[in-house]
Amino acid sequence: MLEDPVVALSEAEYRRVWDRFYEDFSFRPSMSSFKWPAVKEPVASVTWSLAALDGDPGYKRLDRLVKVVEQGLASCVGPQGTLLALDWQHTSYRFAPQEVGGPGQPAWPLSPYPDGDYYIYLSEDFRCGSFGHPWEESLCLFDEELLDAVAAEVDELLGSPIRRSGTTAGPV
């Protein structure tokens, strides 16, 4: 358990976590659409375009998407688990999802929605998480348990996926 609900990663841990992320996900940061997706999407993954959120009056769909993904991630790590929140080339965090986001609690660090940079949530073992791509304007969620918890509602909010398990998704 963490002493504080949100803790910035030390420089050494930041390097260790990012090195593993680059290795495990074959991370290739690029603004070029010819190099997307920027990660090797896991077998149990679904990627959606975020274009459906364009013109979202009052950000109601965006707020709902964020809440759904946060609840799904929190359920996947359980009541004592922690998540990593990675912001490419910026401060990254370890946090206890059950101790953030509620009344009187600190906010979740970052967001599933990639606001200008790659935003990534990962379980400590890297099995479960999200990858927000700011230039492709996409959100990839991975792990069967997470997808079982949130995919139907994310489909409702964002429409049909653009990829499943790293392969272009066809009509459902």
C-alpha atoms as a PDB file:
ATOM      1  CA  MET A   1       0.000   0.000   0.000  1.00  0.00           C
ATOM      2  CA  LEU A   2       1.215   3.502  -0.782  1.00  0.00           C
ATOM      3  CA  GLU A   3       1.857   6.060   1.925  1.00  0.00           C
ATOM      4  CA  ASP A   4       0.201   8.696  -0.289  1.00  0.00           C
ATOM      5  CA  PRO A   5      -2.509   7.835  -2.835  1.00  0.00           C
ATOM      6  CA  VAL A   6      -0.458   9.368  -5.701  1.00  0.00           C
ATOM      7  CA  VAL A   7       3.351   9.287  -5.839  1.00  0.00           C
ATOM      8  CA  ALA A   8       5.612  10.576  -8.618  1.00  0.00           C
ATOM      9  CA  LEU A   9       8.033   7.938  -9.876  1.00  0.00           C
ATOM     10  CA  SER A  10      11.650   8.529  -8.980  1.00  0.00           C
ATOM     11  CA  GLU A  11      13.982   9.133 -11.916  1.00  0.00           C
ATOM     12  CA  ALA A  12      15.423   5.611 -11.674  1.00  0.00           C
ATOM     13  CA  GLU A  13      11.998   3.985 -11.493  1.00  0.00           C
ATOM     14  CA  TYR A  14      10.711   6.222 -14.297  1.00  0.00           C
ATOM     15  CA  ARG A  15      13.530   4.951 -16.544  1.00  0.00           C
ATOM     16  CA  ARG A  16      12.969   1.329 -15.505  1.00  0.00           C
ATOM     17  CA  VAL A  17       9.201   1.477 -16.153  1.00  0.00           C
ATOM     18  CA  TRP A  18       9.541   3.294 -19.474  1.00  0.00           C
ATOM     19  CA  ASP A  19      12.337   0.958 -20.632  1.00  0.00           C
ATOM     20  CA  ARG A  20      10.089  -2.018 -19.909  1.00  0.00           C
ATOM     21  CA  PHE A  21       7.143  -0.338 -21.652  1.00  0.00           C
ATOM     22  CA  TYR A  22       9.255   0.340 -24.768  1.00  0.00           C
ATOM     23  CA  GLU A  23      10.407  -3.295 -24.755  1.00  0.00           C
ATOM     24  CA  ASP A  24       7.136  -5.065 -23.897  1.00  0.00           C
ATOM     25  CA  PHE A  25       4.950  -2.972 -26.220  1.00  0.00           C
ATOM     26  CA  SER A  26       7.489  -2.193 -28.979  1.00  0.00           C
ATOM     27  CA  PHE A  27       6.670   1.476 -28.409  1.00  0.00           C
ATOM     28  CA  ARG A  28       7.425   3.657 -31.451  1.00  0.00           C
ATOM     29  CA  PRO A  29       6.413   7.234 -30.712  1.00  0.00           C
ATOM     30  CA  SER A  30       5.630   9.133 -33.894  1.00  0.00           C
ATOM     31  CA  MET A  31       3.288  11.750 -35.279  1.00  0.00           C
ATOM     32  CA  SER A  32       3.403   9.976 -38.662  1.00  0.00           C
ATOM     33  CA  SER A  33       0.295   7.943 -39.482  1.00  0.00           C
ATOM     34  CA  PHE A  34       2.554   5.555 -41.420  1.00  0.00           C
ATOM     35  CA  LYS A  35       4.017   4.415 -38.082  1.00  0.00           C
ATOM     36  CA  TRP A  36       0.727   3.855 -36.234  1.00  0.00           C
ATOM     37  CA  PRO A  37      -0.255   2.155 -34.089  1.00  0.00           C
ATOM     38  CA  ALA A  38       2.558   3.323 -31.854  1.00  0.00           C
ATOM     39  CA  VAL A  39       2.549   0.118 -29.811  1.00  0.00           C
ATOM     40  CA  LYS A  40       2.238  -3.577 -30.487  1.00  0.00           C
ATOM     41  CA  GLU A  41      -1.296  -3.932 -29.244  1.00  0.00           C
ATOM     42  CA  PRO A  42      -1.766  -7.006 -27.032  1.00  0.00           C
ATOM     43  CA  VAL A  43      -3.817  -9.985 -28.200  1.00  0.00           C
ATOM     44  CA  ALA A  44      -6.634  -9.139 -25.795  1.00  0.00           C
ATOM     45  CA  SER A  45      -7.046  -5.506 -26.854  1.00  0.00           C
ATOM     46  CA  VAL A  46      -9.551  -3.221 -28.513  1.00  0.00           C
ATOM     47  CA  THR A  47      -8.772   0.210 -29.966  1.00  0.00           C
ATOM     48  CA  TRP A  48     -11.358   2.905 -30.604  1.00  0.00           C
ATOM     49  CA  SER A  49     -11.168   6.205 -32.451  1.00  0.00           C
ATOM     50  CA  LEU A  50     -11.848   9.192 -30.204  1.00  0.00           C
ATOM     51  CA  ALA A  51     -13.408  11.132 -33.106  1.00  0.00           C
ATOM     52  CA  ALA A  52     -16.898  10.485 -31.710  1.00  0.00           C
ATOM     53  CA  LEU A  53     -16.032  12.911 -28.914  1.00  0.00           C
ATOM     54  CA  ASP A  54     -15.607  15.815 -31.354  1.00  0.00           C
ATOM     55  CA  GLY A  55     -18.349  18.340 -30.728  1.00  0.00           C
ATOM     56  CA  ASP A  56     -19.302  16.721 -27.400  1.00  0.00           C
ATOM     57  CA  PRO A  57     -21.327  19.561 -25.812  1.00  0.00           C
ATOM     58  CA  GLY A  58     -20.334  19.985 -22.187  1.00  0.00           C
ATOM     59  CA  TYR A  59     -17.950  17.016 -22.525  1.00  0.00           C
ATOM     60  CA  LYS A  60     -20.653  14.647 -21.264  1.00  0.00           C
ATOM     61  CA  ARG A  61     -19.513  11.667 -23.374  1.00  0.00           C
ATOM     62  CA  LEU A  62     -15.858  12.362 -22.566  1.00  0.00           C
ATOM     63  CA  ASP A  63     -16.612  12.547 -18.833  1.00  0.00           C
ATOM     64  CA  ARG A  64     -18.546   9.274 -19.050  1.00  0.00           C
ATOM     65  CA  LEU A  65     -15.728   7.593 -21.001  1.00  0.00           C
ATOM     66  CA  VAL A  66     -13.167   8.677 -18.410  1.00  0.00           C
ATOM     67  CA  LYS A  67     -15.338   7.401 -15.536  1.00  0.00           C
ATOM     68  CA  VAL A  68     -16.016   4.048 -17.237  1.00  0.00           C
ATOM     69  CA  VAL A  69     -12.320   3.417 -17.984  1.00  0.00           C
ATOM     70  CA  GLU A  70     -11.238   4.510 -14.502  1.00  0.00           C
ATOM     71  CA  GLN A  71     -13.788   2.199 -12.859  1.00  0.00           C
ATOM     72  CA  GLY A  72     -12.724  -0.678 -15.097  1.00  0.00           C
ATOM     73  CA  LEU A  73      -9.031  -0.192 -14.348  1.00  0.00           C
ATOM     74  CA  ALA A  74      -9.701   0.099 -10.604  1.00  0.00           C
ATOM     75  CA  SER A  75     -11.721  -3.127 -10.629  1.00  0.00           C
ATOM     76  CA  CYS A  76      -8.913  -4.970 -12.437  1.00  0.00           C
ATOM     77  CA  VAL A  77      -6.301  -4.201  -9.769  1.00  0.00           C
ATOM     78  CA  GLY A  78      -8.619  -4.757  -6.807  1.00  0.00           C
ATOM     79  CA  PRO A  79      -8.958  -2.931  -3.504  1.00  0.00           C
ATOM     80  CA  GLN A  80      -5.253  -3.005  -2.576  1.00  0.00           C
ATOM     81  CA  GLY A  81      -3.729  -2.712  -6.045  1.00  0.00           C
ATOM     82  CA  THR A  82      -1.876   0.156  -7.644  1.00  0.00           C
ATOM     83  CA  LEU A  83      -1.595   1.482 -11.170  1.00  0.00           C
ATOM     84  CA  LEU A  84       1.101   3.300 -13.076  1.00  0.00           C
ATOM     85  CA  ALA A  85       0.122   6.506 -14.897  1.00  0.00           C
ATOM     86  CA  LEU A  86       2.663   7.272 -17.619  1.00  0.00           C
ATOM     87  CA  ASP A  87       2.898  10.583 -19.440  1.00  0.00           C
ATOM     88  CA  TRP A  88       5.477  10.366 -22.215  1.00  0.00           C
ATOM     89  CA  GLN A  89       8.527  12.545 -21.431  1.00  0.00           C
ATOM     90  CA  HIS A  90       6.841  14.009 -18.335  1.00  0.00           C
ATOM     91  CA  THR A  91       6.352  13.093 -14.693  1.00  0.00           C
ATOM     92  CA  SER A  92       4.757   9.672 -14.268  1.00  0.00           C
ATOM     93  CA  TYR A  93       3.037   8.245 -11.209  1.00  0.00           C
ATOM     94  CA  ARG A  94       2.135   5.219  -9.132  1.00  0.00           C
ATOM     95  CA  PHE A  95      -1.236   5.514  -7.483  1.00  0.00           C
ATOM     96  CA  ALA A  96      -3.939   3.667  -5.590  1.00  0.00           C
ATOM     97  CA  PRO A  97      -7.073   3.935  -7.775  1.00  0.00           C
ATOM     98  CA  GLN A  98      -9.380   3.170  -4.842  1.00  0.00           C
ATOM     99  CA  GLU A  99      -8.039   6.238  -3.022  1.00  0.00           C
ATOM    100  CA  VAL A 100      -8.404   8.835  -5.790  1.00  0.00           C
ATOM    101  CA  GLY A 101     -11.236  10.471  -7.674  1.00  0.00           C
ATOM    102  CA  GLY A 102     -13.815  10.470  -4.912  1.00  0.00           C
ATOM    103  CA  PRO A 103     -15.065  13.241  -2.624  1.00  0.00           C
ATOM    104  CA  GLY A 104     -12.189  14.649  -0.572  1.00  0.00           C
ATOM    105  CA  GLN A 105      -9.651  12.545  -2.514  1.00  0.00           C
ATOM    106  CA  PRO A 106      -6.994  13.661  -4.978  1.00  0.00           C
ATOM    107  CA  ALA A 107      -7.887  13.415  -8.679  1.00  0.00           C
ATOM    108  CA  TRP A 108      -6.668  10.568 -10.849  1.00  0.00           C
ATOM    109  CA  PRO A 109      -3.299  11.462 -12.330  1.00  0.00           C
ATOM    110  CA  LEU A 110      -3.670  11.974 -16.086  1.00  0.00           C
ATOM    111  CA  SER A 111      -6.676  10.672 -18.010  1.00  0.00           C
ATOM    112  CA  PRO A 112      -7.485   7.831 -20.381  1.00  0.00           C
ATOM    113  CA  TYR A 113      -8.046  10.603 -22.948  1.00  0.00           C
ATOM    114  CA  PRO A 114      -4.654  11.574 -24.458  1.00  0.00           C
ATOM    115  CA  ASP A 115      -4.614  15.350 -24.095  1.00  0.00           C
ATOM    116  CA  GLY A 116      -1.590  16.297 -26.205  1.00  0.00           C
ATOM    117  CA  ASP A 117       0.705  13.408 -25.323  1.00  0.00           C
ATOM    118  CA  TYR A 118       0.690   9.639 -24.908  1.00  0.00           C
ATOM    119  CA  TYR A 119      -1.183   8.784 -21.701  1.00  0.00           C
ATOM    120  CA  ILE A 120      -0.841   5.234 -20.446  1.00  0.00           C
ATOM    121  CA  TYR A 121      -2.285   3.394 -17.468  1.00  0.00           C
ATOM    122  CA  LEU A 122      -0.735   0.068 -16.530  1.00  0.00           C
ATOM    123  CA  SER A 123      -1.174  -2.479 -13.797  1.00  0.00           C
ATOM    124  CA  GLU A 124       2.106  -3.164 -11.995  1.00  0.00           C
ATOM    125  CA  ASP A 125       2.551  -6.405 -13.966  1.00  0.00           C
ATOM    126  CA  PHE A 126       1.722  -4.633 -17.289  1.00  0.00           C
ATOM    127  CA  ARG A 127      -1.081  -7.137 -18.050  1.00  0.00           C
ATOM    128  CA  CYS A 128      -3.916  -4.613 -17.945  1.00  0.00           C
ATOM    129  CA  GLY A 129      -4.171  -1.012 -19.031  1.00  0.00           C
ATOM    130  CA  SER A 130      -4.885   1.692 -21.548  1.00  0.00           C
ATOM    131  CA  PHE A 131      -2.897   3.477 -24.218  1.00  0.00           C
ATOM    132  CA  GLY A 132      -4.098   6.866 -25.402  1.00  0.00           C
ATOM    133  CA  HIS A 133      -2.565   8.042 -28.696  1.00  0.00           C
ATOM    134  CA  PRO A 134      -2.887  11.829 -29.119  1.00  0.00           C
ATOM    135  CA  TRP A 135      -2.143  12.048 -32.847  1.00  0.00           C
ATOM    136  CA  GLU A 136      -4.059   9.022 -34.000  1.00  0.00           C
ATOM    137  CA  GLU A 137      -6.755  10.174 -31.552  1.00  0.00           C
ATOM    138  CA  SER A 138      -7.338   6.660 -30.319  1.00  0.00           C
ATOM    139  CA  LEU A 139      -7.714   4.714 -27.110  1.00  0.00           C
ATOM    140  CA  CYS A 140      -6.534   1.114 -26.755  1.00  0.00           C
ATOM    141  CA  LEU A 141      -7.723  -0.919 -23.765  1.00  0.00           C
ATOM    142  CA  PHE A 142      -6.161  -4.289 -23.055  1.00  0.00           C
ATOM    143  CA  ASP A 143      -6.801  -7.316 -20.847  1.00  0.00           C
ATOM    144  CA  GLU A 144      -9.851  -9.591 -21.040  1.00  0.00           C
ATOM    145  CA  GLU A 145     -11.081  -8.611 -17.565  1.00  0.00           C
ATOM    146  CA  LEU A 146     -10.935  -4.892 -18.377  1.00  0.00           C
ATOM    147  CA  LEU A 147     -12.597  -5.378 -21.759  1.00  0.00           C
ATOM    148  CA  ASP A 148     -15.355  -7.520 -20.214  1.00  0.00           C
ATOM    149  CA  ALA A 149     -16.002  -4.703 -17.730  1.00  0.00           C
ATOM    150  CA  VAL A 150     -16.040  -1.727 -20.125  1.00  0.00           C
ATOM    151  CA  ALA A 151     -16.119  -2.607 -23.843  1.00  0.00           C
ATOM    152  CA  ALA A 152     -19.916  -2.510 -24.275  1.00  0.00           C
ATOM    153  CA  GLU A 153     -20.176   0.961 -22.769  1.00  0.00           C
ATOM    154  CA  VAL A 154     -17.099   2.241 -24.634  1.00  0.00           C
ATOM    155  CA  ASP A 155     -18.666   0.944 -27.881  1.00  0.00           C
ATOM    156  CA  GLU A 156     -21.792   2.926 -26.997  1.00  0.00           C
ATOM    157  CA  LEU A 157     -19.767   6.090 -26.398  1.00  0.00           C
ATOM    158  CA  LEU A 158     -17.216   5.824 -29.228  1.00  0.00           C
ATOM    159  CA  GLY A 159     -18.751   3.504 -31.803  1.00  0.00           C
ATOM    160  CA  SER A 160     -17.243   0.411 -33.371  1.00  0.00           C
ATOM    161  CA  PRO A 161     -13.558  -0.281 -32.712  1.00  0.00           C
ATOM    162  CA  ILE A 162     -10.907   0.491 -35.313  1.00  0.00           C
ATOM    163  CA  ARG A 163      -8.711  -2.444 -34.245  1.00  0.00           C
ATOM    164  CA  ARG A 164      -8.991  -5.651 -32.230  1.00  0.00           C
ATOM    165  CA  SER A 165      -5.804  -7.296 -31.007  1.00  0.00           C
ATOM    166  CA  GLY A 166      -3.774  -4.974 -33.242  1.00  0.00           C
ATOM    167  CA  THR A 167      -5.642  -5.928 -36.427  1.00  0.00           C
ATOM    168  CA  THR A 168      -7.997  -3.639 -38.331  1.00  0.00           C
ATOM    169  CA  ALA A 169     -11.519  -4.326 -37.097  1.00  0.00           C
ATOM    170  CA  GLY A 170     -14.172  -5.123 -39.647  1.00  0.00           C
ATOM    171  CA  PRO A 171     -17.928  -4.701 -39.288  1.00  0.00           C
ATOM    172  CA  VAL A 172     -19.388  -6.289 -36.195  1.00  0.00           C
END
